[in-house]
Amino acid sequence: MTLGDIGGLHDEARRVREVVELSLRQPQVAKKLGVSIPKGILLYGPQGTGKTLIAKILAHEIGLDMFTIKWSHVMAMNDEVSMNMLMDIFTKAREHAPSLLLIDDMESMGYDQSPITDLVRKKSAQLIYALDSLNDDDRVVVIGITDKIGTIDPNLKKHRRLGARIEFRVPDEAGRKSILEIQTRGMPLENVNLDYVAKVSVGFMGTDIAALCREATLCALRRHVPESGLAHEIPEATLSGIHVSEPDFQAALRIIGKK
């Protein structure tokens, strides 16, 4: 899968790639233009909008080693263990540079709590210390991911930390159509109006649309092959006659409970 295979997120993917490429491949451009590139990027928006997926695909496309931290795990560790783990993984990212360090589940940081607990402050301070240990020559980009930007320590949003912020929104109708076109390009469609499916799938994330297409395919399979027939090899003649139609998508919409 490439970034081009993710429909509805062209602008977001482009912006993430620009920051990563400028930081790791073209640092002289920033110096020439008199600007500094943040050490990290904060991707935020509802769950299922493709934030983690874009980071993983980008690392693969550019050829970067990627290291992953789940912040929910950090919050469950005692202070000494979490500090050692953070410094160890930051060191490994430097040793394998150019690299990408992904910090997922950052909504578990808990800066939307009231009052903010000492545990939350300590863990945040540890991450700030680790980020500040990075130098421009280390060629490591940190990508933080959260469903809720309000849960992040404001000090982490400063320019030289996770200073580049990119919002991932729920796809609009055009975005849903783009995702549908990508998800269905290998499917044997028959009389399916993707404009209609895009219109009635309000609120669907990319993961929802992928699930919708899978369910529509299963609905088509059920029409042609009884459940008992799945225990045996399906004849090629039967398989070649299976097409996914608009009623299959309508049934799938009802099954996955989004309509």
Protein backbone atom coordinates (compact mmCIF):
# COMPACT_ATOMS: atom_id res chain seq x y z
CA MET A 1 0.00 0.00 0.00
CA THR A 2 1.19 3.53 -0.84
CA LEU A 3 0.02 6.98 0.19
CA GLY A 4 -1.86 7.09 -3.11
CA ASP A 5 -3.96 4.16 -1.92
CA ILE A 6 -5.47 6.21 0.92
CA GLY A 7 -8.42 8.12 -0.45
CA GLY A 8 -9.64 11.40 0.99
CA LEU A 9 -6.34 12.24 2.72
CA HIS A 10 -4.25 13.73 -0.08
CA ASP A 11 -3.62 17.07 1.63
CA GLU A 12 -2.85 15.51 5.01
CA ALA A 13 -0.45 12.97 3.49
CA ARG A 14 1.29 15.70 1.48
CA ARG A 15 1.81 17.90 4.54
CA VAL A 16 3.17 15.05 6.67
CA ARG A 17 5.55 14.03 3.90
CA GLU A 18 6.77 17.60 3.38
CA VAL A 19 7.78 18.01 7.03
CA VAL A 20 9.48 14.61 7.15
CA GLU A 21 11.33 15.09 3.87
CA LEU A 22 12.47 18.63 4.71
CA SER A 23 13.71 17.54 8.11
CA LEU A 24 15.49 14.37 7.04
CA ARG A 25 16.44 14.92 3.40
CA GLN A 26 16.54 18.65 2.78
CA PRO A 27 17.68 20.47 5.95
CA GLN A 28 19.64 22.95 3.81
CA VAL A 29 16.37 24.24 2.33
CA ALA A 30 15.12 25.36 5.74
CA LYS A 31 18.46 27.00 6.52
CA LYS A 32 18.47 28.80 3.17
CA LEU A 33 14.95 30.10 3.78
CA GLY A 34 15.74 31.12 7.34
CA VAL A 35 13.22 28.86 9.06
CA SER A 36 13.55 26.00 11.51
CA ILE A 37 11.83 22.65 11.05
CA PRO A 38 10.15 21.15 14.13
CA LYS A 39 11.58 17.94 15.55
CA GLY A 40 8.13 16.43 15.54
CA ILE A 41 4.64 16.41 14.11
CA LEU A 42 1.38 16.05 16.01
CA LEU A 43 -1.38 14.33 14.05
CA TYR A 44 -4.80 14.75 15.64
CA GLY A 45 -8.38 13.96 14.81
CA PRO A 46 -11.07 11.32 15.34
CA GLN A 47 -10.15 7.67 15.62
CA GLY A 48 -10.19 5.86 12.28
CA THR A 49 -9.20 8.83 10.09
CA GLY A 50 -5.89 7.27 9.01
CA LYS A 51 -3.32 9.02 11.21
CA THR A 52 -1.30 5.96 12.23
CA LEU A 53 -1.69 4.36 8.81
CA ILE A 54 -0.22 7.38 7.01
CA ALA A 55 2.80 7.44 9.34
CA LYS A 56 3.50 3.74 8.74
CA ILE A 57 3.09 3.93 4.98
CA LEU A 58 5.28 7.04 4.79
CA ALA A 59 8.08 5.33 6.70
CA HIS A 60 7.89 2.41 4.28
CA GLU A 61 7.78 4.61 1.16
CA ILE A 62 10.74 6.74 2.17
CA GLY A 63 12.69 3.78 3.50
CA LEU A 64 12.92 4.79 7.16
CA ASP A 65 13.31 2.55 10.16
CA MET A 66 10.33 3.17 12.42
CA PHE A 67 10.15 2.83 16.19
CA THR A 68 6.85 2.87 18.05
CA ILE A 69 5.88 3.91 21.58
CA LYS A 70 2.34 3.46 22.90
CA TRP A 71 1.79 6.19 25.46
CA SER A 72 -0.80 4.13 27.30
CA HIS A 73 2.01 1.66 28.08
CA VAL A 74 4.26 4.47 29.30
CA MET A 75 1.55 5.65 31.68
CA ALA A 76 1.36 2.14 33.19
CA MET A 77 5.12 1.94 33.92
CA ASN A 78 6.86 3.17 37.03
CA ASP A 79 8.89 6.35 36.54
CA GLU A 80 12.33 4.76 36.35
CA VAL A 81 11.26 2.09 33.87
CA SER A 82 9.43 4.55 31.59
CA MET A 83 12.35 7.00 31.60
CA ASN A 84 14.84 4.26 30.70
CA MET A 85 12.54 2.95 27.99
CA LEU A 86 12.08 6.38 26.41
CA MET A 87 15.79 7.17 26.36
CA ASP A 88 16.57 3.71 25.01
CA ILE A 89 14.16 3.98 22.10
CA PHE A 90 15.28 7.52 21.28
CA THR A 91 18.88 6.26 21.25
CA LYS A 92 17.95 3.40 18.92
CA ALA A 93 16.19 5.86 16.59
CA ARG A 94 19.40 7.92 16.42
CA GLU A 95 21.49 4.83 15.74
CA HIS A 96 19.23 3.85 12.82
CA ALA A 97 18.83 7.36 11.40
CA PRO A 98 17.26 8.58 9.27
CA SER A 99 14.33 7.22 11.20
CA LEU A 100 10.80 7.90 12.32
CA LEU A 101 9.68 7.56 15.95
CA LEU A 102 5.93 7.11 16.33
CA ILE A 103 4.22 7.90 19.64
CA ASP A 104 0.71 6.47 19.50
CA ASP A 105 -2.21 6.67 21.96
CA MET A 106 -1.18 10.14 23.14
CA GLU A 107 -4.77 10.86 24.18
CA SER A 108 -3.87 8.77 27.26
CA MET A 109 -1.53 11.59 28.34
CA GLY A 110 -4.49 13.05 30.20
CA TYR A 111 -3.89 16.82 30.14
CA ASP A 112 -7.65 17.30 29.87
CA GLN A 113 -8.02 16.05 33.44
CA SER A 114 -8.85 18.42 36.24
CA PRO A 115 -6.79 18.63 38.30
CA ILE A 116 -3.78 17.35 36.35
CA THR A 117 -2.15 14.62 38.39
CA ASP A 118 1.51 14.39 39.34
CA LEU A 119 1.75 11.18 37.32
CA VAL A 120 0.60 12.95 34.18
CA ARG A 121 3.09 15.80 34.74
CA LYS A 122 5.99 13.40 35.39
CA LYS A 123 5.38 11.31 32.29
CA SER A 124 5.01 14.42 30.15
CA ALA A 125 8.25 15.83 31.54
CA GLN A 126 10.02 12.61 30.61
CA LEU A 127 8.89 12.90 27.00
CA ILE A 128 9.89 16.57 26.87
CA TYR A 129 13.35 15.62 28.16
CA ALA A 130 13.68 12.91 25.49
CA LEU A 131 12.53 15.26 22.71
CA ASP A 132 14.90 17.99 23.84
CA SER A 133 17.77 15.50 23.68
CA LEU A 134 17.37 15.36 19.89
CA ASN A 135 19.66 17.54 17.79
CA ASP A 136 19.07 18.69 14.21
CA ASP A 137 21.88 16.41 13.04
CA ASP A 138 20.26 13.32 14.57
CA ARG A 139 17.89 12.97 11.59
CA VAL A 140 15.02 11.62 13.67
CA VAL A 141 11.44 12.81 13.17
CA VAL A 142 8.92 12.17 15.95
CA ILE A 143 5.25 11.78 15.04
CA GLY A 144 2.76 12.00 17.88
CA ILE A 145 -0.78 10.73 17.34
CA THR A 146 -3.86 11.57 19.37
CA ASP A 147 -7.63 11.46 18.96
CA LYS A 148 -7.99 14.58 21.13
CA ILE A 149 -5.51 17.43 20.93
CA GLY A 150 -6.72 18.82 24.27
CA THR A 151 -5.20 15.84 26.08
CA ILE A 152 -1.64 16.91 25.15
CA ASP A 153 0.65 18.92 27.43
CA PRO A 154 0.83 22.43 25.87
CA ASN A 155 4.61 22.39 26.39
CA LEU A 156 4.85 19.52 23.90
CA LYS A 157 3.22 21.67 21.21
CA LYS A 158 6.08 24.18 21.20
CA HIS A 159 7.80 24.63 17.85
CA ARG A 160 10.98 22.66 18.54
CA ARG A 161 9.05 19.68 19.91
CA LEU A 162 5.79 18.53 18.29
CA GLY A 163 5.49 21.90 16.62
CA ALA A 164 3.94 20.88 13.31
CA ARG A 165 0.25 20.11 13.87
CA ILE A 166 -1.90 18.47 11.21
CA GLU A 167 -5.60 17.84 11.71
CA PHE A 168 -7.34 14.78 10.29
CA ARG A 169 -11.05 15.37 9.78
CA VAL A 170 -14.00 13.10 9.14
CA PRO A 171 -14.14 12.70 5.32
CA ASP A 172 -16.68 14.81 3.46
CA GLU A 173 -18.74 13.40 0.58
CA ALA A 174 -15.95 13.90 -1.97
CA GLY A 175 -13.47 12.27 0.39
CA ARG A 176 -15.77 9.30 0.94
CA LYS A 177 -16.16 8.90 -2.83
CA SER A 178 -12.38 8.88 -3.22
CA ILE A 179 -12.00 6.22 -0.52
CA LEU A 180 -14.78 4.13 -2.07
CA GLU A 181 -13.11 4.26 -5.49
CA ILE A 182 -9.88 2.94 -4.01
CA GLN A 183 -11.53 0.29 -1.83
CA THR A 184 -13.67 -1.06 -4.68
CA ARG A 185 -11.20 -0.96 -7.57
CA GLY A 186 -10.56 -4.71 -7.29
CA MET A 187 -14.19 -5.64 -6.66
CA PRO A 188 -16.51 -7.05 -9.37
CA LEU A 189 -19.07 -4.25 -9.18
CA GLU A 190 -22.37 -4.38 -11.04
CA ASN A 191 -24.67 -1.35 -11.24
CA VAL A 192 -23.26 0.31 -8.12
CA ASN A 193 -23.65 4.08 -7.86
CA LEU A 194 -20.66 5.10 -5.72
CA ASP A 195 -21.93 8.69 -5.66
CA TYR A 196 -25.04 7.42 -3.87
CA VAL A 197 -23.03 5.29 -1.44
CA ALA A 198 -20.79 8.26 -0.68
CA LYS A 199 -23.82 10.47 -0.10
CA VAL A 200 -25.57 8.15 2.36
CA SER A 201 -22.43 7.20 4.31
CA VAL A 202 -22.26 10.47 6.27
CA GLY A 203 -19.90 10.23 9.24
CA PHE A 204 -17.96 7.25 7.89
CA MET A 205 -14.21 7.19 8.51
CA GLY A 206 -11.80 5.44 6.17
CA THR A 207 -11.89 2.32 8.35
CA ASP A 208 -15.72 2.36 8.27
CA ILE A 209 -15.73 2.52 4.47
CA ALA A 210 -13.25 -0.37 4.25
CA ALA A 211 -15.54 -2.39 6.53
CA LEU A 212 -18.56 -1.43 4.41
CA CYS A 213 -16.90 -2.70 1.23
CA ARG A 214 -15.89 -5.98 2.90
CA GLU A 215 -19.43 -6.50 4.17
CA ALA A 216 -20.92 -5.73 0.75
CA THR A 217 -18.66 -8.40 -0.75
CA LEU A 218 -19.82 -10.90 1.87
CA CYS A 219 -23.45 -10.01 1.12
CA ALA A 220 -22.81 -10.77 -2.55
CA LEU A 221 -21.17 -14.06 -1.61
CA ARG A 222 -24.16 -15.05 0.54
CA ARG A 223 -26.49 -14.50 -2.41
CA HIS A 224 -24.56 -16.96 -4.54
CA VAL A 225 -23.18 -19.48 -2.07
CA PRO A 226 -25.19 -20.94 0.84
CA GLU A 227 -23.43 -20.97 4.20
CA SER A 228 -23.07 -24.74 4.01
CA GLY A 229 -21.23 -24.36 0.72
CA LEU A 230 -18.34 -22.46 2.30
CA ALA A 231 -17.04 -25.71 3.79
CA HIS A 232 -16.11 -26.87 0.29
CA GLU A 233 -14.13 -25.40 -2.58
CA ILE A 234 -16.32 -23.01 -4.53
CA PRO A 235 -16.39 -23.81 -8.27
CA GLU A 236 -14.66 -21.30 -10.55
CA ALA A 237 -17.86 -20.89 -12.55
CA THR A 238 -19.69 -19.80 -9.40
CA LEU A 239 -16.92 -17.39 -8.38
CA SER A 240 -16.80 -15.76 -11.81
CA GLY A 241 -20.54 -15.12 -11.61
CA ILE A 242 -20.41 -13.24 -8.30
CA HIS A 243 -20.89 -9.49 -8.61
CA VAL A 244 -21.32 -6.88 -5.90
CA SER A 245 -24.42 -4.82 -6.55
CA GLU A 246 -26.02 -1.77 -4.98
CA PRO A 247 -28.44 -3.89 -2.89
CA ASP A 248 -25.35 -5.54 -1.38
CA PHE A 249 -24.09 -2.14 -0.28
CA GLN A 250 -27.51 -1.24 1.11
CA ALA A 251 -27.56 -4.49 3.09
CA ALA A 252 -24.01 -3.82 4.28
CA LEU A 253 -25.02 -0.36 5.50
CA ARG A 254 -27.75 -1.92 7.62
CA ILE A 255 -25.49 -4.66 8.98
CA ILE A 256 -22.67 -2.41 10.16
CA GLY A 257 -25.16 -0.11 11.82
CA LYS A 258 -24.14 3.23 10.34
CA LYS A 259 -27.47 3.94 8.62
